[in-house]
N, C-alpha and C. Protein backbone atom coordinates (compact mmCIF):
# COMPACT_ATOMS: atom_id res chain seq x y z
N MET A 1 43.70 80.46 54.61
CA MET A 1 44.47 80.57 53.26
C MET A 1 43.84 81.54 52.48
N SER A 2 44.22 82.53 51.82
CA SER A 2 43.42 83.75 50.70
C SER A 2 43.15 82.89 49.13
N ASP A 3 42.62 83.47 48.88
CA ASP A 3 41.87 83.26 47.22
C ASP A 3 43.34 83.22 46.34
N ALA A 4 43.93 83.65 46.70
CA ALA A 4 45.48 83.90 45.39
C ALA A 4 46.13 82.44 45.77
N ASP A 5 46.47 82.11 47.32
CA ASP A 5 46.61 80.81 47.52
C ASP A 5 46.31 79.55 47.04
N GLU A 6 45.17 79.47 47.31
CA GLU A 6 44.11 78.38 46.90
C GLU A 6 43.79 78.18 45.26
N THR A 7 44.37 79.45 44.39
CA THR A 7 43.93 79.26 42.93
C THR A 7 45.62 78.89 42.79
N VAL A 8 46.85 79.23 43.17
CA VAL A 8 48.08 78.89 42.88
C VAL A 8 47.95 77.46 43.31
N ALA A 9 47.55 76.81 44.52
CA ALA A 9 47.78 75.45 44.43
C ALA A 9 46.80 74.65 43.50
N ARG A 10 45.57 75.02 42.88
CA ARG A 10 44.91 74.64 42.32
C ARG A 10 45.61 74.61 40.97
N ALA A 11 46.06 75.49 40.43
CA ALA A 11 46.79 75.80 39.26
C ALA A 11 47.88 74.86 38.97
N LEU A 12 48.68 74.47 40.32
CA LEU A 12 50.14 73.62 40.34
C LEU A 12 49.83 72.01 39.80
N SER A 13 48.40 72.07 40.04
CA SER A 13 47.99 70.37 40.74
C SER A 13 47.52 70.29 38.89
N LEU A 14 46.70 71.35 38.29
CA LEU A 14 46.45 71.22 37.30
C LEU A 14 47.01 71.04 35.44
N VAL A 15 48.45 71.60 36.32
CA VAL A 15 49.40 72.14 34.79
C VAL A 15 50.07 71.14 34.63
N GLU A 16 50.25 71.18 32.94
CA GLU A 16 50.99 69.60 32.12
C GLU A 16 51.83 70.40 31.94
N GLU A 17 53.33 69.44 32.16
CA GLU A 17 54.54 69.64 32.23
C GLU A 17 54.91 68.51 30.86
N SER A 18 56.00 70.21 29.54
CA SER A 18 56.47 68.67 28.76
C SER A 18 57.65 69.45 28.55
N PHE A 19 58.84 68.67 28.41
CA PHE A 19 60.50 68.79 28.21
C PHE A 19 60.59 68.94 26.84
N ILE A 20 61.50 69.83 26.73
CA ILE A 20 61.89 70.25 24.82
C ILE A 20 62.97 70.73 24.56
N ALA A 21 63.79 70.25 23.84
CA ALA A 21 65.20 71.01 23.39
C ALA A 21 65.08 72.21 23.40
N ALA A 22 66.28 72.65 24.31
CA ALA A 22 66.99 74.07 24.48
C ALA A 22 67.66 74.83 24.16
N SER A 23 67.89 75.90 23.65
CA SER A 23 68.43 76.50 22.99
C SER A 23 69.36 76.95 23.73
N GLY A 24 70.86 77.96 23.01
CA GLY A 24 71.75 78.72 24.52
C GLY A 24 72.70 77.82 24.64
N PRO A 25 72.98 78.20 26.01
CA PRO A 25 74.53 77.70 26.35
C PRO A 25 74.17 76.11 27.40
N GLY A 26 75.55 75.52 26.87
CA GLY A 26 75.37 74.05 27.11
C GLY A 26 76.09 73.24 26.20
N GLY A 27 76.93 73.52 25.32
CA GLY A 27 77.73 73.05 24.61
C GLY A 27 77.07 71.87 23.76
N GLN A 28 77.32 70.86 23.44
CA GLN A 28 76.86 69.69 22.75
C GLN A 28 76.21 68.83 23.41
N ASN A 29 75.84 69.10 24.90
CA ASN A 29 74.75 68.56 25.73
C ASN A 29 73.62 69.26 25.65
N VAL A 30 73.28 70.26 24.94
CA VAL A 30 71.72 70.74 24.63
C VAL A 30 71.58 70.06 23.65
N ASN A 31 72.34 69.60 22.39
CA ASN A 31 71.88 68.87 21.34
C ASN A 31 71.05 67.51 21.91
N LYS A 32 71.37 66.97 23.20
CA LYS A 32 71.24 65.79 23.73
C LYS A 32 70.17 65.57 24.88
N VAL A 33 69.97 67.03 25.17
CA VAL A 33 69.22 66.39 26.14
C VAL A 33 67.85 67.43 26.26
N ALA A 34 66.96 66.99 26.71
CA ALA A 34 65.84 68.31 26.64
C ALA A 34 65.39 69.13 28.32
N THR A 35 66.18 70.47 28.33
CA THR A 35 66.06 70.65 29.30
C THR A 35 64.84 71.66 29.72
N ALA A 36 64.51 72.49 28.51
CA ALA A 36 63.64 73.61 28.98
C ALA A 36 62.30 73.00 29.09
N VAL A 37 61.40 73.67 29.88
CA VAL A 37 60.34 72.92 30.36
C VAL A 37 59.30 73.91 29.78
N GLN A 38 58.19 73.41 29.19
CA GLN A 38 56.81 74.02 28.57
C GLN A 38 55.96 73.70 29.42
N LEU A 39 55.27 74.85 30.46
CA LEU A 39 53.69 74.56 31.09
C LEU A 39 52.56 74.77 30.66
N ARG A 40 51.93 74.12 30.27
CA ARG A 40 50.22 74.58 29.71
C ARG A 40 49.48 74.44 31.01
N LEU A 41 48.63 75.62 30.88
CA LEU A 41 47.80 75.39 31.80
C LEU A 41 46.44 76.15 31.60
N ASN A 42 45.10 75.21 31.47
CA ASN A 42 43.79 75.58 31.24
C ASN A 42 43.18 76.90 32.16
N VAL A 43 43.17 77.77 31.90
CA VAL A 43 42.54 78.84 32.75
C VAL A 43 41.15 78.75 33.18
N PHE A 44 40.06 78.19 32.33
CA PHE A 44 39.04 77.97 32.63
C PHE A 44 38.83 76.90 33.15
N ALA A 45 39.58 75.99 33.71
CA ALA A 45 39.18 74.51 34.70
C ALA A 45 39.80 75.49 36.17
N LEU A 46 40.59 76.83 36.47
CA LEU A 46 40.84 77.34 37.49
C LEU A 46 39.24 77.57 38.03
N ARG A 47 38.23 78.37 37.15
CA ARG A 47 37.33 78.56 37.57
C ARG A 47 37.52 80.21 38.51
N LEU A 48 38.28 81.03 37.99
CA LEU A 48 38.37 82.44 38.29
C LEU A 48 36.99 83.47 38.26
N GLN A 49 36.91 84.31 39.48
CA GLN A 49 36.08 85.48 39.12
C GLN A 49 36.50 86.33 37.85
N PRO A 50 35.33 86.97 37.44
CA PRO A 50 35.49 87.52 36.11
C PRO A 50 36.91 88.72 36.04
N GLN A 51 36.35 89.31 37.05
CA GLN A 51 37.98 90.22 37.16
C GLN A 51 39.28 90.11 37.20
N VAL A 52 39.15 88.91 37.77
CA VAL A 52 40.97 88.25 37.93
C VAL A 52 40.91 87.46 36.89
N PHE A 53 40.25 86.93 36.06
CA PHE A 53 40.61 86.47 34.72
C PHE A 53 40.29 87.55 33.55
N THR A 54 40.14 88.58 33.80
CA THR A 54 40.57 89.55 32.73
C THR A 54 41.72 89.97 32.89
N ARG A 55 42.11 90.32 34.23
CA ARG A 55 43.70 90.72 35.15
C ARG A 55 44.52 89.62 34.22
N LEU A 56 44.30 88.47 34.70
CA LEU A 56 45.10 87.10 33.95
C LEU A 56 45.31 87.71 32.58
N LYS A 57 44.50 87.88 31.73
CA LYS A 57 44.18 87.71 30.46
C LYS A 57 45.38 88.76 29.98
N SER A 58 44.92 89.67 30.67
CA SER A 58 46.14 91.21 30.04
C SER A 58 47.52 91.17 30.79
N LEU A 59 47.84 89.98 31.81
CA LEU A 59 48.87 89.77 32.06
C LEU A 59 49.90 89.11 31.42
N THR A 60 48.85 87.83 30.94
CA THR A 60 49.58 86.66 30.14
C THR A 60 50.14 87.49 28.58
N GLY A 61 48.90 88.36 28.11
CA GLY A 61 49.05 88.66 26.88
C GLY A 61 49.26 87.60 25.97
N SER A 62 50.23 87.32 24.69
CA SER A 62 50.37 86.51 23.77
C SER A 62 51.08 85.20 24.48
N ARG A 63 50.82 85.14 25.79
CA ARG A 63 51.12 83.54 25.96
C ARG A 63 50.30 82.92 26.37
N MET A 64 49.03 83.30 26.15
CA MET A 64 47.80 82.82 26.54
C MET A 64 47.18 82.70 24.76
N THR A 65 46.74 81.15 24.88
CA THR A 65 46.08 81.05 23.64
C THR A 65 44.71 81.15 23.27
N SER A 66 43.68 80.71 22.08
CA SER A 66 42.78 81.52 22.32
C SER A 66 41.77 80.49 22.76
N GLY A 67 42.54 79.12 23.01
CA GLY A 67 41.33 78.10 23.89
C GLY A 67 41.56 78.42 25.11
N GLY A 68 42.47 79.72 26.01
CA GLY A 68 42.44 79.84 27.01
C GLY A 68 43.46 78.97 27.65
N GLU A 69 44.73 78.48 26.96
CA GLU A 69 45.45 78.15 27.84
C GLU A 69 46.88 78.81 27.87
N ILE A 70 47.20 78.72 29.34
CA ILE A 70 48.71 79.39 29.14
C ILE A 70 49.65 78.75 29.27
N VAL A 71 50.71 79.21 28.15
CA VAL A 71 51.76 78.65 27.81
C VAL A 71 53.14 79.04 28.66
N LEU A 72 53.53 78.62 29.13
CA LEU A 72 55.01 79.26 29.73
C LEU A 72 56.28 78.09 29.41
N THR A 73 57.38 78.85 28.71
CA THR A 73 58.45 78.09 28.73
C THR A 73 59.42 78.77 29.45
N ALA A 74 60.12 77.91 30.00
CA ALA A 74 61.53 78.00 30.83
C ALA A 74 62.63 77.47 30.09
N ARG A 75 63.52 78.07 29.93
CA ARG A 75 65.13 77.20 29.70
C ARG A 75 66.40 78.54 29.53
N ARG A 76 65.94 79.26 31.25
CA ARG A 76 66.87 79.78 31.64
C ARG A 76 68.11 79.16 31.80
N PHE A 77 68.03 78.20 32.46
CA PHE A 77 68.88 77.39 33.26
C PHE A 77 69.13 75.62 32.46
N ARG A 78 70.40 75.11 32.79
CA ARG A 78 70.86 74.32 32.22
C ARG A 78 70.23 72.73 32.29
N THR A 79 69.61 73.04 33.96
CA THR A 79 69.11 71.47 34.21
C THR A 79 67.25 71.54 33.94
N GLN A 80 66.81 70.14 34.10
CA GLN A 80 65.11 70.81 33.76
C GLN A 80 64.77 70.86 35.18
N GLU A 81 65.40 70.54 36.63
CA GLU A 81 64.82 70.84 37.66
C GLU A 81 64.31 72.33 38.19
N ALA A 82 66.12 73.17 37.45
CA ALA A 82 66.07 74.37 37.36
C ALA A 82 65.05 75.19 36.89
N ASN A 83 64.78 74.63 35.73
CA ASN A 83 63.84 75.42 34.53
C ASN A 83 62.39 75.00 35.26
N ARG A 84 61.75 74.12 35.26
CA ARG A 84 60.56 73.59 35.99
C ARG A 84 60.48 74.46 37.12
N ALA A 85 61.55 74.74 38.23
CA ALA A 85 61.04 75.56 39.48
C ALA A 85 60.69 76.79 38.97
N ASP A 86 61.41 77.67 37.90
CA ASP A 86 61.40 78.81 37.15
C ASP A 86 60.34 78.81 36.42
N ALA A 87 59.71 78.15 35.93
CA ALA A 87 58.58 78.19 35.32
C ALA A 87 57.28 78.21 36.06
N ARG A 88 57.32 77.21 37.29
CA ARG A 88 56.44 77.42 38.14
C ARG A 88 56.25 78.75 39.18
N GLU A 89 57.02 79.38 39.43
CA GLU A 89 57.21 80.45 39.71
C GLU A 89 56.93 81.55 39.20
N ARG A 90 57.19 81.47 37.89
CA ARG A 90 56.66 82.78 37.12
C ARG A 90 55.23 82.25 37.25
N LEU A 91 54.71 80.93 37.09
CA LEU A 91 53.05 80.83 36.83
C LEU A 91 52.70 81.12 38.08
N THR A 92 53.18 81.14 38.93
CA THR A 92 52.76 81.89 40.48
C THR A 92 52.53 83.01 40.58
N GLU A 93 53.29 83.77 40.21
CA GLU A 93 53.74 85.21 40.40
C GLU A 93 52.52 85.55 39.59
N LEU A 94 52.43 85.46 38.44
CA LEU A 94 51.11 85.94 37.32
C LEU A 94 49.82 85.64 38.08
N ILE A 95 49.38 84.58 38.71
CA ILE A 95 48.44 84.27 39.43
C ILE A 95 48.27 85.25 40.68
N ARG A 96 49.46 85.51 40.99
CA ARG A 96 49.26 86.22 42.33
C ARG A 96 48.92 87.60 41.74
N LYS A 97 49.85 87.84 40.92
CA LYS A 97 49.31 89.76 40.07
C LYS A 97 48.06 89.64 39.76
N ALA A 98 47.39 89.04 39.38
CA ALA A 98 46.19 89.13 38.79
C ALA A 98 45.28 89.31 39.98
N HIS A 99 45.21 88.45 40.92
CA HIS A 99 44.34 88.64 42.43
C HIS A 99 44.72 90.00 42.89
N GLU A 100 45.89 90.67 42.48
CA GLU A 100 45.66 91.98 43.38
C GLU A 100 45.10 93.17 42.50
N SER A 101 43.94 93.76 43.22
CA SER A 101 43.45 94.98 42.75
C SER A 101 43.92 95.85 42.46
N PRO A 102 43.62 96.68 41.09
CA PRO A 102 44.24 98.04 40.99
C PRO A 102 43.69 99.23 42.15
N ARG A 103 44.54 100.00 42.37
CA ARG A 103 44.16 101.27 43.00
C ARG A 103 43.35 102.14 42.79
N LYS A 104 42.41 102.43 43.04
CA LYS A 104 41.51 103.52 42.37
C LYS A 104 42.36 104.63 42.41
N ARG A 105 41.98 105.56 41.16
CA ARG A 105 42.99 106.46 41.08
C ARG A 105 42.09 107.73 41.58
N ALA A 106 42.87 108.56 42.32
CA ALA A 106 42.32 109.81 43.17
C ALA A 106 42.32 110.86 41.80
N LYS A 107 41.13 111.60 41.65
CA LYS A 107 41.62 112.78 40.90
C LYS A 107 42.17 113.82 41.53
N THR A 108 42.70 114.60 40.62
CA THR A 108 43.63 115.64 40.83
C THR A 108 42.92 117.20 41.44
N ARG A 109 43.03 117.43 42.29
CA ARG A 109 42.57 118.24 42.95
C ARG A 109 43.16 120.16 42.81
N LEU A 110 42.86 121.16 41.92
CA LEU A 110 43.28 122.26 41.30
C LEU A 110 42.80 123.17 42.03
N ASN A 111 43.54 123.76 42.84
CA ASN A 111 43.00 125.38 43.16
C ASN A 111 43.23 126.58 42.43
N ARG A 112 42.54 127.24 42.59
CA ARG A 112 41.94 128.35 41.65
C ARG A 112 43.16 129.39 41.02
N ILE A 113 44.52 129.53 41.73
CA ILE A 113 45.62 129.85 41.45
C ILE A 113 46.40 129.05 40.37
N ASN A 114 45.97 127.83 40.51
CA ASN A 114 46.80 126.67 39.85
C ASN A 114 46.05 126.88 38.35
N LYS A 115 44.89 126.77 38.43
CA LYS A 115 43.91 126.63 37.38
C LYS A 115 44.21 127.73 36.39
N GLU A 116 44.52 129.13 37.00
CA GLU A 116 44.26 130.61 36.25
C GLU A 116 46.09 130.56 35.70
N ALA A 117 46.60 129.51 36.53
CA ALA A 117 47.80 129.86 35.89
C ALA A 117 48.28 128.53 34.54
N ARG A 118 47.59 127.97 34.99
CA ARG A 118 47.37 126.77 33.61
C ARG A 118 47.12 127.22 32.39
N ILE A 119 45.84 127.89 32.78
CA ILE A 119 44.98 128.74 31.61
C ILE A 119 46.03 129.58 31.05
N LYS A 120 46.71 130.10 31.64
CA LYS A 120 47.30 131.33 30.90
C LYS A 120 48.65 130.82 30.59
N ALA A 121 49.36 130.02 30.86
CA ALA A 121 50.38 129.06 30.04
C ALA A 121 49.61 128.62 28.48
N LYS A 122 48.60 127.99 28.52
CA LYS A 122 48.07 127.44 27.43
C LYS A 122 47.75 128.81 26.47
N LYS A 123 47.26 130.33 26.92
CA LYS A 123 47.19 131.01 25.77
C LYS A 123 48.28 131.43 25.60
N SER A 124 49.25 131.51 26.42
CA SER A 124 50.59 131.97 25.87
C SER A 124 51.16 131.35 24.92
N ARG A 125 50.81 129.96 25.18
CA ARG A 125 51.30 128.85 23.73
C ARG A 125 50.38 129.29 22.81
N GLY A 126 49.61 129.19 22.68
CA GLY A 126 48.49 129.49 21.41
C GLY A 126 48.85 130.56 20.83
N THR A 127 49.03 131.70 21.33
CA THR A 127 49.37 132.78 20.44
C THR A 127 50.47 132.52 20.27
N VAL A 128 52.01 132.09 20.84
CA VAL A 128 53.14 131.52 20.10
C VAL A 128 52.47 130.93 18.66
N LYS A 129 51.62 129.87 18.64
CA LYS A 129 51.18 129.05 17.85
C LYS A 129 50.52 130.03 16.40
N ALA A 130 49.68 131.01 16.86
CA ALA A 130 49.19 131.65 16.15
C ALA A 130 50.17 132.44 15.11
N ASN A 131 51.12 132.99 15.70
CA ASN A 131 51.97 134.09 15.04
C ASN A 131 52.83 133.43 14.25
N ARG A 132 52.73 132.10 13.83
CA ARG A 132 53.52 131.31 13.28
C ARG A 132 52.96 131.52 11.68
N GLY A 133 53.51 131.12 10.84
CA GLY A 133 52.81 130.95 9.23
C GLY A 133 53.55 132.03 8.32
N LYS A 134 52.91 131.85 7.05
CA LYS A 134 53.56 132.92 6.38
C LYS A 134 53.37 134.08 6.53
N ILE A 135 53.90 135.32 6.39
CA ILE A 135 53.84 136.68 6.88
C ILE A 135 53.31 137.73 5.58
N ASP A 136 52.14 138.39 5.81
CA ASP A 136 51.80 138.97 4.39
C ASP A 136 52.34 140.69 4.73
N TRP A 137 53.16 141.00 3.66
CA TRP A 137 54.11 141.53 3.43
C TRP A 137 52.89 142.92 3.26
């Protein structure tokens, strides 16, 4: 089992769910039944590595509170079960993405001809800009 799988399993066991009234389709039934799901997860309880925590924090953005809780609200579907599965899937996806380390960027390597062509283009653009402005008669 990988680190991401262990973290996902731990997160799903620590998550707190509450059902809230949803807006949107459902007719009069939407006013009577609380179908939307709100998941809350304390990130500090997961004991993540610092780089994984940083990536998770940037991925969640405004969905993470200042207290370190991720709050996900799912209200796409009309049933509690579907919204609950949707919210858990989104949480799982966030944690898996946070565990993926970004690829290191390889520097571009220019050869001499391309470098000269680039500088020539910059010079010609500079002369065009230098010739703008007031004309002294």
